[in-house]
N, C-alpha and C. Protein backbone atom coordinates (compact mmCIF):
# COMPACT_ATOMS: atom_id res chain seq x y z
N MET A 1 21.89 125.12 73.44
CA MET A 1 20.68 125.93 72.17
C MET A 1 20.17 127.03 72.43
N LEU A 2 20.54 128.19 73.49
CA LEU A 2 19.97 129.11 74.22
C LEU A 2 20.92 129.99 72.55
N ARG A 3 22.42 130.14 72.38
CA ARG A 3 23.45 130.26 71.61
C ARG A 3 23.09 130.19 70.56
N GLU A 4 22.16 129.02 70.00
CA GLU A 4 21.60 129.07 68.44
C GLU A 4 20.32 130.00 68.70
N THR A 5 19.31 130.16 69.38
CA THR A 5 18.44 131.52 69.45
C THR A 5 18.81 132.44 69.67
N ILE A 6 19.82 132.45 70.61
CA ILE A 6 20.30 134.24 70.66
C ILE A 6 21.15 134.70 68.73
N ALA A 7 21.50 133.70 68.50
CA ALA A 7 21.80 133.85 66.88
C ALA A 7 20.78 133.54 66.12
N ILE A 8 20.03 133.26 66.04
CA ILE A 8 18.70 133.30 64.89
C ILE A 8 18.15 134.86 65.09
N ILE A 9 17.66 134.85 66.14
CA ILE A 9 16.83 135.88 66.50
C ILE A 9 18.18 137.25 66.27
N GLU A 10 19.32 137.30 66.51
CA GLU A 10 20.50 138.35 66.33
C GLU A 10 20.09 138.60 64.51
N GLU A 11 20.40 137.55 63.79
CA GLU A 11 20.05 137.09 62.19
C GLU A 11 18.48 138.16 61.74
N GLY A 12 17.71 137.88 63.21
CA GLY A 12 16.63 138.06 61.52
C GLY A 12 16.62 140.03 62.02
N VAL A 13 16.67 140.36 63.33
CA VAL A 13 17.41 141.47 63.63
C VAL A 13 18.10 142.61 62.40
N LYS A 14 19.39 141.69 62.23
CA LYS A 14 20.04 142.35 61.14
C LYS A 14 19.37 142.08 59.88
N GLN A 15 18.70 141.21 59.57
CA GLN A 15 18.23 141.15 58.11
C GLN A 15 16.35 142.01 58.03
N GLY A 16 15.96 142.57 59.32
CA GLY A 16 14.69 143.26 59.23
C GLY A 16 13.60 142.03 59.41
N GLU A 17 13.89 141.68 59.85
CA GLU A 17 12.46 140.33 59.80
C GLU A 17 12.02 140.49 61.02
N PHE A 18 13.25 141.00 62.22
CA PHE A 18 12.21 140.91 63.51
C PHE A 18 12.27 141.94 63.95
N VAL A 19 11.82 142.53 64.85
CA VAL A 19 11.86 143.52 65.39
C VAL A 19 13.60 144.00 66.06
N PRO A 20 13.94 144.97 66.57
CA PRO A 20 15.67 145.65 67.19
C PRO A 20 15.11 145.20 69.10
N VAL A 21 15.42 143.75 69.33
CA VAL A 21 14.86 143.26 70.86
C VAL A 21 16.34 143.37 71.17
N ASP A 22 16.47 142.62 73.10
CA ASP A 22 17.51 142.19 73.49
C ASP A 22 17.52 140.38 73.01
N ALA A 23 18.59 140.12 72.13
CA ALA A 23 18.53 138.88 71.57
C ALA A 23 18.05 138.12 72.32
N ARG A 24 18.72 137.86 73.56
CA ARG A 24 19.23 136.78 74.93
C ARG A 24 17.75 136.84 75.70
N THR A 25 17.18 138.10 76.39
CA THR A 25 16.06 137.89 76.67
C THR A 25 14.78 137.44 76.11
N ALA A 26 14.92 137.61 74.44
CA ALA A 26 13.94 137.37 73.98
C ALA A 26 14.50 136.05 73.36
N ALA A 27 15.06 135.40 73.50
CA ALA A 27 15.52 134.09 73.22
C ALA A 27 14.77 133.21 74.89
N LEU A 28 15.21 133.68 75.24
CA LEU A 28 14.41 133.34 77.25
C LEU A 28 12.90 132.96 77.16
N SER A 29 12.26 134.50 76.95
CA SER A 29 11.24 134.20 76.73
C SER A 29 10.88 132.86 76.19
N LEU A 30 11.06 132.81 74.37
CA LEU A 30 10.94 131.92 73.81
C LEU A 30 10.61 130.94 73.94
N LEU A 31 11.98 130.19 74.46
CA LEU A 31 12.68 129.17 74.69
C LEU A 31 11.17 128.84 75.88
N GLY A 32 11.30 129.19 77.33
CA GLY A 32 11.00 129.14 78.64
C GLY A 32 9.23 128.99 77.85
N MET A 33 9.05 129.89 76.77
CA MET A 33 7.18 129.83 76.94
C MET A 33 7.27 127.72 75.92
N CYS A 34 8.16 127.23 75.23
CA CYS A 34 8.26 126.60 74.40
C CYS A 34 8.03 125.38 74.89
N ASN A 35 8.69 125.33 76.38
CA ASN A 35 9.64 124.73 77.65
C ASN A 35 8.54 124.67 78.49
N TRP A 36 7.88 125.47 78.77
CA TRP A 36 6.89 125.04 79.80
C TRP A 36 5.49 124.55 79.79
N VAL A 37 5.08 124.47 78.41
CA VAL A 37 4.02 123.87 77.29
C VAL A 37 4.11 122.50 78.06
N ALA A 38 5.32 121.39 78.76
CA ALA A 38 5.06 120.14 78.60
C ALA A 38 4.82 120.05 80.42
N TRP A 39 4.42 121.41 80.80
CA TRP A 39 4.05 121.34 82.57
C TRP A 39 2.68 121.33 82.41
N TRP A 40 2.26 122.23 81.20
CA TRP A 40 0.87 122.33 82.01
C TRP A 40 -0.55 121.86 81.07
N ALA A 41 0.18 121.68 79.32
CA ALA A 41 -0.77 121.44 78.16
C ALA A 41 -0.98 119.47 78.91
N ARG A 42 -2.14 119.27 78.89
CA ARG A 42 -3.10 118.06 79.51
C ARG A 42 -4.00 118.03 77.75
N PRO A 43 -3.21 118.00 76.51
CA PRO A 43 -4.29 117.90 75.46
C PRO A 43 -5.51 116.37 75.33
N ALA A 44 -6.01 116.57 75.15
CA ALA A 44 -6.71 115.33 74.74
C ALA A 44 -6.83 114.64 73.83
N ASP A 45 -6.30 115.56 72.42
CA ASP A 45 -6.79 115.05 71.31
C ASP A 45 -5.50 115.36 69.70
N ALA A 46 -5.34 115.52 69.11
CA ALA A 46 -4.61 116.20 67.96
C ALA A 46 -5.34 117.51 67.71
N VAL A 47 -6.75 118.10 68.00
CA VAL A 47 -7.46 119.35 67.64
C VAL A 47 -6.82 120.31 68.89
N GLU A 48 -6.26 119.65 69.73
CA GLU A 48 -6.05 120.73 70.92
C GLU A 48 -4.48 120.40 71.32
N VAL A 49 -3.61 119.58 70.28
CA VAL A 49 -2.41 119.96 70.34
C VAL A 49 -2.06 120.97 69.34
N LYS A 50 -2.86 121.04 68.06
CA LYS A 50 -3.10 122.17 66.78
C LYS A 50 -3.35 123.10 67.15
N SER A 51 -4.10 123.45 68.03
CA SER A 51 -4.72 124.67 68.73
C SER A 51 -3.72 125.51 69.63
N ILE A 52 -2.88 124.09 69.96
CA ILE A 52 -2.20 125.06 71.40
C ILE A 52 -0.36 125.36 70.54
N VAL A 53 0.02 124.74 69.89
CA VAL A 53 0.93 124.92 68.54
C VAL A 53 0.42 126.17 67.44
N SER A 54 -0.50 126.86 67.10
CA SER A 54 -0.85 127.26 66.75
C SER A 54 -0.72 128.87 67.57
N THR A 55 -1.57 128.88 68.67
CA THR A 55 -0.89 129.57 69.70
C THR A 55 0.32 130.12 70.71
N VAL A 56 0.88 128.94 70.21
CA VAL A 56 2.27 129.60 70.41
C VAL A 56 2.74 130.25 69.69
N THR A 57 2.69 129.80 68.73
CA THR A 57 3.44 130.36 67.22
C THR A 57 2.83 131.77 67.06
N ALA A 58 1.81 131.60 67.10
CA ALA A 58 0.58 133.36 66.72
C ALA A 58 1.80 133.98 67.92
N LEU A 59 1.96 133.59 68.94
CA LEU A 59 2.63 134.68 70.56
C LEU A 59 3.80 134.88 70.09
N ALA A 60 4.24 133.49 69.45
CA ALA A 60 6.51 133.74 69.44
C ALA A 60 6.32 135.32 68.01
N ARG A 61 5.94 134.79 66.91
CA ARG A 61 5.42 135.81 66.07
C ARG A 61 5.00 136.79 66.50
N ARG A 62 4.61 137.55 66.75
CA ARG A 62 3.95 138.65 67.82
C ARG A 62 5.44 139.13 68.07
N MET A 63 5.93 138.05 69.33
CA MET A 63 7.22 138.82 70.08
C MET A 63 8.03 139.63 68.91
N LEU A 64 8.14 138.64 67.85
CA LEU A 64 9.39 138.84 67.30
C LEU A 64 9.30 138.85 66.19
N CYS A 65 8.24 139.16 65.38
CA CYS A 65 8.44 139.74 63.30
C CYS A 65 8.35 140.76 63.13
N VAL A 66 8.43 141.60 62.52
CA VAL A 66 8.36 142.94 62.11
C VAL A 66 6.64 142.93 61.22
N PRO A 67 6.05 143.62 62.04
CA PRO A 67 4.59 143.31 61.45
C PRO A 67 4.35 143.75 60.34
N ASP A 68 3.69 143.51 59.15
CA ASP A 68 2.66 144.01 58.32
C ASP A 68 2.52 145.37 57.93
N SER A 69 3.23 146.12 57.48
CA SER A 69 3.25 147.89 57.79
C SER A 69 1.76 148.11 56.28
N GLY A 70 1.46 147.52 55.37
CA GLY A 70 -0.02 146.45 55.18
C GLY A 70 0.59 148.38 53.67
N ASP A 71 1.59 148.05 53.46
CA ASP A 71 2.70 148.39 51.85
C ASP A 71 2.05 147.52 50.89
N GLY A 72 1.59 146.48 51.07
CA GLY A 72 2.15 145.26 49.49
C GLY A 72 0.73 145.29 48.69
N ASP A 73 0.63 144.46 48.61
CA ASP A 73 -1.03 144.63 47.79
C ASP A 73 -2.33 144.56 48.25
N GLY A 74 -1.68 144.44 49.98
CA GLY A 74 -2.87 144.75 50.88
C GLY A 74 -3.91 146.35 50.86
N GLY A 75 -2.96 147.11 50.05
CA GLY A 75 -3.28 148.58 50.07
C GLY A 75 -3.24 149.30 51.17
N GLY A 76 -4.04 149.89 51.75
CA GLY A 76 -3.92 150.63 52.84
C GLY A 76 -3.46 152.80 52.10
N GLY A 77 -3.26 152.90 50.76
CA GLY A 77 -3.03 154.40 50.52
C GLY A 77 -2.06 154.78 51.14
N PRO A 78 -1.99 156.22 50.63
CA PRO A 78 -0.92 156.97 50.75
C PRO A 78 -0.27 156.77 52.90
N ALA A 79 -1.21 156.55 53.54
CA ALA A 79 -1.04 157.25 54.55
C ALA A 79 -0.42 155.80 55.52
N ALA A 80 -1.01 154.29 55.33
CA ALA A 80 0.27 153.25 55.27
C ALA A 80 0.41 153.15 54.78
N LEU A 81 1.12 153.14 53.70
CA LEU A 81 2.53 153.22 53.75
C LEU A 81 3.94 154.37 54.04
N LEU A 82 3.06 155.96 54.51
CA LEU A 82 3.99 156.55 55.13
C LEU A 82 4.16 156.15 56.92
N GLN A 83 3.32 155.57 57.31
CA GLN A 83 3.04 154.94 58.15
C GLN A 83 3.79 154.09 58.42
N GLY A 84 4.56 152.38 57.45
CA GLY A 84 5.11 151.89 57.01
C GLY A 84 6.62 152.06 57.24
N ILE A 85 6.69 153.65 56.11
CA ILE A 85 8.15 153.76 56.32
C ILE A 85 8.48 154.27 57.41
N ARG A 86 7.54 154.73 58.81
CA ARG A 86 8.53 155.37 59.84
C ARG A 86 8.46 154.11 61.01
N ASP A 87 7.70 153.38 60.32
CA ASP A 87 8.09 152.44 61.99
C ASP A 87 9.03 151.79 60.69
N ARG A 88 9.58 151.69 59.72
CA ARG A 88 10.65 151.17 59.57
C ARG A 88 12.38 151.83 59.93
N LEU A 89 11.82 153.46 60.35
CA LEU A 89 12.81 154.44 60.00
C LEU A 89 13.14 153.90 61.85
N ASP A 90 11.85 153.80 62.50
CA ASP A 90 12.27 153.34 63.80
C ASP A 90 12.39 152.23 64.16
N ARG A 91 12.45 151.08 63.71
CA ARG A 91 13.36 149.88 63.53
C ARG A 91 14.73 150.40 63.63
N LEU A 92 14.86 150.93 62.83
CA LEU A 92 15.95 151.25 62.03
C LEU A 92 17.57 151.91 62.50
N GLU A 93 16.75 152.97 62.87
CA GLU A 93 17.74 154.26 64.03
C GLU A 93 18.36 152.89 64.88
N PRO A 94 17.90 152.05 65.96
CA PRO A 94 18.90 151.58 66.93
C PRO A 94 19.84 150.53 66.76
N LEU A 95 19.36 150.47 65.40
CA LEU A 95 20.92 149.69 64.32
C LEU A 95 22.46 150.18 64.36
N ILE A 96 21.60 151.81 64.46
CA ILE A 96 23.05 152.51 63.27
C ILE A 96 23.94 152.99 64.76
């Protein structure tokens, strides 16, 4: 499972969907975060399970996904567009 997770992260970085990270460290962090839920979670109902899933998913996305730069329909003007370009260039440079 570790190899597959590393491969997914590497592909996400290559495609520009994930921020440039050490794929092995990110994969171990992600798998560890998910695996340890069984040790500490004692939800009493489905609402708590959904909350745990939502929180862990949000944390994984923040760890890996390229943040929305605000250059789509959300607006933000020229400054936001320029910042989005800079952010993308910063992510691209380590891959060159």
